[in-house]
Amino acid sequence: MQLWIHVNKVHGDLRNVRMRRIFLLLFFKYSGYVLVEFLKSIWVTLQWFKLPLAFETLEI
């Protein structure tokens, strides 16, 4: 009985480690994706701010 509890605990720990690894992998993947999207949106916003300036210089 004691051995069975030990085996279950070890198996549970292994499963937790695997879940944690998967979670970290997904987290880094997702956060990287979010970061890229965030930078893209900032870049697009900057382009929008640059656009009117470009038109103003063209008018002059």
PDB file of N, CA and C in Angstrom:
ATOM      1  N   MET A   1       0.835  -1.210   0.000  1.00  0.00           N
ATOM      2  CA  MET A   1       0.000   0.000   0.000  1.00  0.00           C
ATOM      3  C   MET A   1       0.868   1.258   0.000  1.00  0.00           C
ATOM      4  N   GLN A   2       1.888   1.239   0.823  1.00  0.00           N
ATOM      5  CA  GLN A   2       2.791   2.392   0.922  1.00  0.00           C
ATOM      6  C   GLN A   2       3.490   2.622  -0.419  1.00  0.00           C
ATOM      7  N   LEU A   3       3.920   1.526  -1.037  1.00  0.00           N
ATOM      8  CA  LEU A   3       4.608   1.599  -2.328  1.00  0.00           C
ATOM      9  C   LEU A   3       3.689   2.211  -3.383  1.00  0.00           C
ATOM     10  N   TRP A   4       2.404   1.769  -3.383  1.00  0.00           N
ATOM     11  CA  TRP A   4       1.418   2.254  -4.352  1.00  0.00           C
ATOM     12  C   TRP A   4       1.229   3.764  -4.212  1.00  0.00           C
ATOM     13  N   ILE A   5       1.163   4.253  -2.974  1.00  0.00           N
ATOM     14  CA  ILE A   5       1.019   5.686  -2.726  1.00  0.00           C
ATOM     15  C   ILE A   5       2.246   6.413  -3.271  1.00  0.00           C
ATOM     16  N   HIS A   6       3.418   5.829  -3.038  1.00  0.00           N
ATOM     17  CA  HIS A   6       4.660   6.445  -3.508  1.00  0.00           C
ATOM     18  C   HIS A   6       4.679   6.533  -5.034  1.00  0.00           C
ATOM     19  N   VAL A   7       4.302   5.426  -5.684  1.00  0.00           N
ATOM     20  CA  VAL A   7       4.264   5.387  -7.153  1.00  0.00           C
ATOM     21  C   VAL A   7       3.290   6.441  -7.676  1.00  0.00           C
ATOM     22  N   ASN A   8       2.116   6.526  -7.055  1.00  0.00           N
ATOM     23  CA  ASN A   8       1.119   7.514  -7.457  1.00  0.00           C
ATOM     24  C   ASN A   8       1.658   8.929  -7.315  1.00  0.00           C
ATOM     25  N   LYS A   9       2.353   9.170  -6.208  1.00  0.00           N
ATOM     26  CA  LYS A   9       2.895  10.506  -5.951  1.00  0.00           C
ATOM     27  C   LYS A   9       3.938  10.871  -6.996  1.00  0.00           C
ATOM     28  N   VAL A  10       4.833   9.930  -7.278  1.00  0.00           N
ATOM     29  CA  VAL A  10       5.878  10.173  -8.277  1.00  0.00           C
ATOM     30  C   VAL A  10       5.244  10.430  -9.637  1.00  0.00           C
ATOM     31  N   HIS A  11       4.247   9.594  -9.987  1.00  0.00           N
ATOM     32  CA  HIS A  11       3.569   9.751 -11.274  1.00  0.00           C
ATOM     33  C   HIS A  11       2.871  11.105 -11.340  1.00  0.00           C
ATOM     34  N   GLY A  12       2.234  11.482 -10.229  1.00  0.00           N
ATOM     35  CA  GLY A  12       1.556  12.774 -10.166  1.00  0.00           C
ATOM     36  C   GLY A  12       2.543  13.917 -10.338  1.00  0.00           C
ATOM     37  N   ASP A  13       3.705  13.807  -9.685  1.00  0.00           N
ATOM     38  CA  ASP A  13       4.732  14.844  -9.802  1.00  0.00           C
ATOM     39  C   ASP A  13       5.212  14.959 -11.242  1.00  0.00           C
ATOM     40  N   LEU A  14       5.432  13.793 -11.878  1.00  0.00           N
ATOM     41  CA  LEU A  14       5.881  13.803 -13.271  1.00  0.00           C
ATOM     42  C   LEU A  14       4.853  14.481 -14.155  1.00  0.00           C
ATOM     43  N   ARG A  15       3.576  14.160 -13.886  1.00  0.00           N
ATOM     44  CA  ARG A  15       2.513  14.748 -14.695  1.00  0.00           C
ATOM     45  C   ARG A  15       2.465  16.263 -14.475  1.00  0.00           C
ATOM     46  N   ASN A  16       2.645  16.689 -13.230  1.00  0.00           N
ATOM     47  CA  ASN A  16       2.652  18.115 -12.923  1.00  0.00           C
ATOM     48  C   ASN A  16       3.798  18.814 -13.625  1.00  0.00           C
ATOM     49  N   VAL A  17       4.959  18.184 -13.623  1.00  0.00           N
ATOM     50  CA  VAL A  17       6.126  18.770 -14.287  1.00  0.00           C
ATOM     51  C   VAL A  17       5.851  18.909 -15.778  1.00  0.00           C
ATOM     52  N   ARG A  18       5.250  17.861 -16.354  1.00  0.00           N
ATOM     53  CA  ARG A  18       4.937  17.906 -17.788  1.00  0.00           C
ATOM     54  C   ARG A  18       3.931  19.012 -18.076  1.00  0.00           C
ATOM     55  N   MET A  19       2.895  19.105 -17.228  1.00  0.00           N
ATOM     56  CA  MET A  19       1.886  20.153 -17.409  1.00  0.00           C
ATOM     57  C   MET A  19       2.510  21.539 -17.280  1.00  0.00           C
ATOM     58  N   ARG A  20       3.406  21.657 -16.298  1.00  0.00           N
ATOM     59  CA  ARG A  20       4.065  22.948 -16.093  1.00  0.00           C
ATOM     60  C   ARG A  20       4.915  23.301 -17.310  1.00  0.00           C
ATOM     61  N   ARG A  21       5.595  22.304 -17.845  1.00  0.00           N
ATOM     62  CA  ARG A  21       6.444  22.540 -19.017  1.00  0.00           C
ATOM     63  C   ARG A  21       5.598  22.968 -20.202  1.00  0.00           C
ATOM     64  N   ILE A  22       4.483  22.269 -20.397  1.00  0.00           N
ATOM     65  CA  ILE A  22       3.572  22.615 -21.500  1.00  0.00           C
ATOM     66  C   ILE A  22       3.024  24.021 -21.296  1.00  0.00           C
ATOM     67  N   PHE A  23       2.658  24.315 -20.040  1.00  0.00           N
ATOM     68  CA  PHE A  23       2.111  25.637 -19.737  1.00  0.00           C
ATOM     69  C   PHE A  23       3.126  26.732 -20.026  1.00  0.00           C
ATOM     70  N   LEU A  24       4.384  26.500 -19.597  1.00  0.00           N
ATOM     71  CA  LEU A  24       5.436  27.491 -19.831  1.00  0.00           C
ATOM     72  C   LEU A  24       5.674  27.668 -21.322  1.00  0.00           C
ATOM     73  N   LEU A  25       5.670  26.542 -22.044  1.00  0.00           N
ATOM     74  CA  LEU A  25       5.881  26.592 -23.493  1.00  0.00           C
ATOM     75  C   LEU A  25       4.790  27.430 -24.154  1.00  0.00           C
ATOM     76  N   LEU A  26       3.532  27.122 -23.795  1.00  0.00           N
ATOM     77  CA  LEU A  26       2.402  27.868 -24.348  1.00  0.00           C
ATOM     78  C   LEU A  26       2.475  29.333 -23.948  1.00  0.00           C
ATOM     79  N   PHE A  27       2.864  29.565 -22.681  1.00  0.00           N
ATOM     80  CA  PHE A  27       2.932  30.936 -22.184  1.00  0.00           C
ATOM     81  C   PHE A  27       3.955  31.748 -22.972  1.00  0.00           C
ATOM     82  N   PHE A  28       5.154  31.154 -23.166  1.00  0.00           N
ATOM     83  CA  PHE A  28       6.199  31.879 -23.898  1.00  0.00           C
ATOM     84  C   PHE A  28       5.803  32.075 -25.358  1.00  0.00           C
ATOM     85  N   LYS A  29       5.199  31.038 -25.940  1.00  0.00           N
ATOM     86  CA  LYS A  29       4.755  31.129 -27.326  1.00  0.00           C
ATOM     87  C   LYS A  29       3.722  32.247 -27.463  1.00  0.00           C
ATOM     88  N   TYR A  30       2.730  32.223 -26.544  1.00  0.00           N
ATOM     89  CA  TYR A  30       1.635  33.184 -26.597  1.00  0.00           C
ATOM     90  C   TYR A  30       2.115  34.604 -26.305  1.00  0.00           C
ATOM     91  N   SER A  31       2.987  34.723 -25.281  1.00  0.00           N
ATOM     92  CA  SER A  31       3.482  36.060 -24.925  1.00  0.00           C
ATOM     93  C   SER A  31       4.340  36.623 -26.058  1.00  0.00           C
ATOM     94  N   GLY A  32       5.093  35.748 -26.726  1.00  0.00           N
ATOM     95  CA  GLY A  32       5.879  36.191 -27.879  1.00  0.00           C
ATOM     96  C   GLY A  32       4.974  36.699 -28.985  1.00  0.00           C
ATOM     97  N   TYR A  33       3.885  35.961 -29.221  1.00  0.00           N
ATOM     98  CA  TYR A  33       2.913  36.351 -30.248  1.00  0.00           C
ATOM     99  C   TYR A  33       2.276  37.692 -29.905  1.00  0.00           C
ATOM    100  N   VAL A  34       1.897  37.835 -28.621  1.00  0.00           N
ATOM    101  CA  VAL A  34       1.275  39.082 -28.169  1.00  0.00           C
ATOM    102  C   VAL A  34       2.246  40.242 -28.323  1.00  0.00           C
ATOM    103  N   LEU A  35       3.513  39.989 -27.976  1.00  0.00           N
ATOM    104  CA  LEU A  35       4.540  41.024 -28.089  1.00  0.00           C
ATOM    105  C   LEU A  35       4.689  41.471 -29.540  1.00  0.00           C
ATOM    106  N   VAL A  36       4.732  40.513 -30.451  1.00  0.00           N
ATOM    107  CA  VAL A  36       4.860  40.826 -31.882  1.00  0.00           C
ATOM    108  C   VAL A  36       3.670  41.664 -32.349  1.00  0.00           C
ATOM    109  N   GLU A  37       2.456  41.243 -31.967  1.00  0.00           N
ATOM    110  CA  GLU A  37       1.250  41.982 -32.347  1.00  0.00           C
ATOM    111  C   GLU A  37       1.277  43.399 -31.771  1.00  0.00           C
ATOM    112  N   PHE A  38       1.735  43.498 -30.525  1.00  0.00           N
ATOM    113  CA  PHE A  38       1.812  44.794 -29.851  1.00  0.00           C
ATOM    114  C   PHE A  38       2.779  45.712 -30.599  1.00  0.00           C
ATOM    115  N   LEU A  39       3.956  45.184 -30.954  1.00  0.00           N
ATOM    116  CA  LEU A  39       4.948  45.977 -31.682  1.00  0.00           C
ATOM    117  C   LEU A  39       4.415  46.376 -33.046  1.00  0.00           C
ATOM    118  N   LYS A  40       3.706  45.442 -33.692  1.00  0.00           N
ATOM    119  CA  LYS A  40       3.111  45.752 -35.003  1.00  0.00           C
ATOM    120  C   LYS A  40       2.128  46.899 -34.888  1.00  0.00           C
ATOM    121  N   SER A  41       1.272  46.848 -33.855  1.00  0.00           N
ATOM    122  CA  SER A  41       0.264  47.899 -33.679  1.00  0.00           C
ATOM    123  C   SER A  41       0.927  49.241 -33.401  1.00  0.00           C
ATOM    124  N   ILE A  42       2.017  49.216 -32.621  1.00  0.00           N
ATOM    125  CA  ILE A  42       2.757  50.457 -32.359  1.00  0.00           C
ATOM    126  C   ILE A  42       3.328  50.996 -33.674  1.00  0.00           C
ATOM    127  N   TRP A  43       3.897  50.098 -34.484  1.00  0.00           N
ATOM    128  CA  TRP A  43       4.495  50.502 -35.761  1.00  0.00           C
ATOM    129  C   TRP A  43       3.440  51.119 -36.666  1.00  0.00           C
ATOM    130  N   VAL A  44       2.261  50.461 -36.723  1.00  0.00           N
ATOM    131  CA  VAL A  44       1.158  50.963 -37.559  1.00  0.00           C
ATOM    132  C   VAL A  44       0.715  52.341 -37.077  1.00  0.00           C
ATOM    133  N   THR A  45       0.621  52.488 -35.759  1.00  0.00           N
ATOM    134  CA  THR A  45       0.238  53.783 -35.180  1.00  0.00           C
ATOM    135  C   THR A  45       1.244  54.854 -35.565  1.00  0.00           C
ATOM    136  N   LEU A  46       2.524  54.515 -35.492  1.00  0.00           N
ATOM    137  CA  LEU A  46       3.566  55.472 -35.875  1.00  0.00           C
ATOM    138  C   LEU A  46       3.446  55.843 -37.342  1.00  0.00           C
ATOM    139  N   GLN A  47       3.134  54.848 -38.178  1.00  0.00           N
ATOM    140  CA  GLN A  47       2.947  55.129 -39.609  1.00  0.00           C
ATOM    141  C   GLN A  47       1.791  56.109 -39.804  1.00  0.00           C
ATOM    142  N   TRP A  48       0.717  55.913 -39.043  1.00  0.00           N
ATOM    143  CA  TRP A  48      -0.437  56.800 -39.145  1.00  0.00           C
ATOM    144  C   TRP A  48      -0.081  58.222 -38.728  1.00  0.00           C
ATOM    145  N   PHE A  49       0.799  58.331 -37.725  1.00  0.00           N
ATOM    146  CA  PHE A  49       1.217  59.667 -37.285  1.00  0.00           C
ATOM    147  C   PHE A  49       2.142  60.300 -38.321  1.00  0.00           C
ATOM    148  N   LYS A  50       2.928  59.452 -38.985  1.00  0.00           N
ATOM    149  CA  LYS A  50       3.858  59.963 -39.993  1.00  0.00           C
ATOM    150  C   LYS A  50       3.119  60.402 -41.254  1.00  0.00           C
ATOM    151  N   LEU A  51       2.009  59.737 -41.553  1.00  0.00           N
ATOM    152  CA  LEU A  51       1.278  59.983 -42.802  1.00  0.00           C
ATOM    153  C   LEU A  51       0.850  61.445 -42.969  1.00  0.00           C
ATOM    154  N   PRO A  52       0.160  62.042 -41.985  1.00  0.00           N
ATOM    155  CA  PRO A  52      -0.235  63.448 -42.144  1.00  0.00           C
ATOM    156  C   PRO A  52       0.971  64.369 -42.297  1.00  0.00           C
ATOM    157  N   LEU A  53       2.054  64.049 -41.580  1.00  0.00           N
ATOM    158  CA  LEU A  53       3.273  64.853 -41.710  1.00  0.00           C
ATOM    159  C   LEU A  53       3.792  64.787 -43.137  1.00  0.00           C
ATOM    160  N   ALA A  54       3.738  63.601 -43.716  1.00  0.00           N
ATOM    161  CA  ALA A  54       4.192  63.433 -45.094  1.00  0.00           C
ATOM    162  C   ALA A  54       3.324  64.261 -46.038  1.00  0.00           C
ATOM    163  N   PHE A  55       2.018  64.253 -45.811  1.00  0.00           N
ATOM    164  CA  PHE A  55       1.110  65.039 -46.651  1.00  0.00           C
ATOM    165  C   PHE A  55       1.387  66.538 -46.507  1.00  0.00           C
ATOM    166  N   GLU A  56       1.662  66.964 -45.278  1.00  0.00           N
ATOM    167  CA  GLU A  56       1.961  68.380 -45.053  1.00  0.00           C
ATOM    168  C   GLU A  56       3.205  68.804 -45.821  1.00  0.00           C
ATOM    169  N   THR A  57       4.231  67.960 -45.786  1.00  0.00           N
ATOM    170  CA  THR A  57       5.470  68.302 -46.496  1.00  0.00           C
ATOM    171  C   THR A  57       5.226  68.294 -48.003  1.00  0.00           C
ATOM    172  N   LEU A  58       4.318  67.403 -48.470  1.00  0.00           N
ATOM    173  CA  LEU A  58       4.009  67.364 -49.898  1.00  0.00           C
ATOM    174  C   LEU A  58       3.296  68.644 -50.327  1.00  0.00           C
ATOM    175  N   GLU A  59       2.399  69.124 -49.476  1.00  0.00           N
ATOM    176  CA  GLU A  59       1.636  70.344 -49.805  1.00  0.00           C
ATOM    177  C   GLU A  59       2.551  71.550 -49.902  1.00  0.00           C
ATOM    178  N   ILE A  60       3.581  71.558 -49.027  1.00  0.00           N
ATOM    179  CA  ILE A  60       4.523  72.684 -49.062  1.00  0.00           C
ATOM    180  C   ILE A  60       5.346  72.551 -50.344  1.00  0.00           C
TER     181      ILE A  60
END
